[in-house]
Protein backbone atom coordinates (compact mmCIF):
# COMPACT_ATOMS: atom_id res chain seq x y z
CA UNK A 1 72.29 171.23 17.01
CA UNK A 2 70.03 173.91 18.47
CA UNK A 3 70.40 177.58 17.65
CA UNK A 4 68.97 180.43 19.70
CA UNK A 5 69.08 184.12 18.85
CA UNK A 6 68.71 186.82 21.48
CA UNK A 7 68.72 190.60 21.18
CA UNK A 8 69.97 192.76 24.04
CA UNK A 9 70.58 196.44 24.59
CA UNK A 10 73.97 197.36 26.04
CA UNK A 11 74.83 200.84 27.36
CA UNK A 12 78.44 201.92 26.80
CA UNK A 13 79.56 205.46 27.74
CA UNK A 14 75.92 206.54 27.95
CA UNK A 15 75.05 205.33 24.46
CA UNK A 16 72.74 202.36 23.80
CA UNK A 17 73.78 199.62 21.39
CA UNK A 18 71.64 196.74 20.10
CA UNK A 19 73.46 193.40 20.25
CA UNK A 20 72.60 190.15 18.52
CA UNK A 21 73.68 187.03 20.46
CA UNK A 22 73.57 183.71 18.62
CA UNK A 23 74.17 180.48 20.56
CA UNK A 24 74.67 177.10 18.91
CA UNK A 25 74.53 174.04 21.19
CA UNK A 26 75.58 170.65 19.93
CA UNK A 27 78.75 168.97 18.77
CA UNK A 28 80.31 170.67 15.75
CA UNK A 29 83.70 171.08 14.10
CA UNK A 30 85.33 174.51 13.74
CA UNK A 31 88.74 175.74 12.64
CA UNK A 32 90.69 177.57 15.37
CA UNK A 33 94.20 178.82 14.63
CA UNK A 34 94.28 176.70 11.50
CA UNK A 35 93.39 173.52 13.40
CA UNK A 36 90.13 171.55 13.25
CA UNK A 37 88.60 171.33 16.73
CA UNK A 38 85.39 169.76 18.04
CA UNK A 39 83.28 172.16 20.13
CA UNK A 40 80.16 171.58 22.24
CA UNK A 41 78.87 175.14 22.08
CA UNK A 42 79.52 178.29 20.08
CA UNK A 43 78.34 181.83 20.86
CA UNK A 44 78.58 184.86 18.60
CA UNK A 45 77.93 188.43 19.78
CA UNK A 46 77.42 190.81 16.87
CA UNK A 47 78.10 194.43 17.79
CA UNK A 48 76.79 197.29 15.64
CA UNK A 49 78.82 199.16 13.05
CA UNK A 50 82.55 198.58 13.04
CA UNK A 51 82.63 197.10 16.54
CA UNK A 52 82.82 193.58 15.10
CA UNK A 53 81.77 190.14 16.27
CA UNK A 54 82.91 188.25 19.38
CA UNK A 55 83.23 184.48 18.98
CA UNK A 56 83.29 182.11 21.96
CA UNK A 57 83.65 178.34 21.90
CA UNK A 58 83.42 175.55 24.47
CA UNK A 59 85.90 172.92 23.32
CA UNK A 60 84.62 169.33 23.57
CA UNK A 61 86.53 167.04 25.89
CA UNK A 62 87.48 163.51 24.96
CA UNK A 63 85.23 161.05 26.82
CA UNK A 64 86.92 159.28 29.73
CA UNK A 65 86.80 155.52 30.21
CA UNK A 66 84.87 154.27 33.26
CA UNK A 67 88.19 153.42 34.93
CA UNK A 68 89.59 156.92 34.35
CA UNK A 69 86.37 158.49 35.63
CA UNK A 70 86.39 156.31 38.77
CA UNK A 71 90.07 157.16 39.45
CA UNK A 72 89.35 160.88 38.99
CA UNK A 73 86.39 160.82 41.40
CA UNK A 74 88.40 158.83 43.97
CA UNK A 75 91.17 161.47 43.80
CA UNK A 76 88.62 164.28 44.24
CA UNK A 77 87.18 162.56 47.31
CA UNK A 78 90.68 162.03 48.72
CA UNK A 79 91.64 165.69 48.28
CA UNK A 80 88.32 166.93 49.71
CA UNK A 81 88.62 164.62 52.73
CA UNK A 82 92.20 165.73 53.35
CA UNK A 83 91.16 169.38 53.19
CA UNK A 84 88.31 168.87 55.65
CA UNK A 85 90.58 166.99 58.06
CA UNK A 86 93.26 169.71 57.89
CA UNK A 87 90.65 172.36 58.71
CA UNK A 88 89.38 170.32 61.66
CA UNK A 89 85.91 170.00 60.09
CA UNK A 90 86.02 166.24 59.84
């Protein structure tokens, strides 16, 4: 897992606030709503004073089998082709 920390200045109602943004990339397990969930990325924005911390997660998807992936891509091509034909582009 890689962790990056970034500091930014945000202006709200004419007042400047220093934010700390921490990003964690890599597969990890977190508890969301009492349930254990695998996430690919987590980001935390720490606001000053009593403003709190924002937490954002990118939930990991279950890997698809090659057959499922091929069927998905075939469906995408079919829908795209149909759309282009309906618009008279193809």
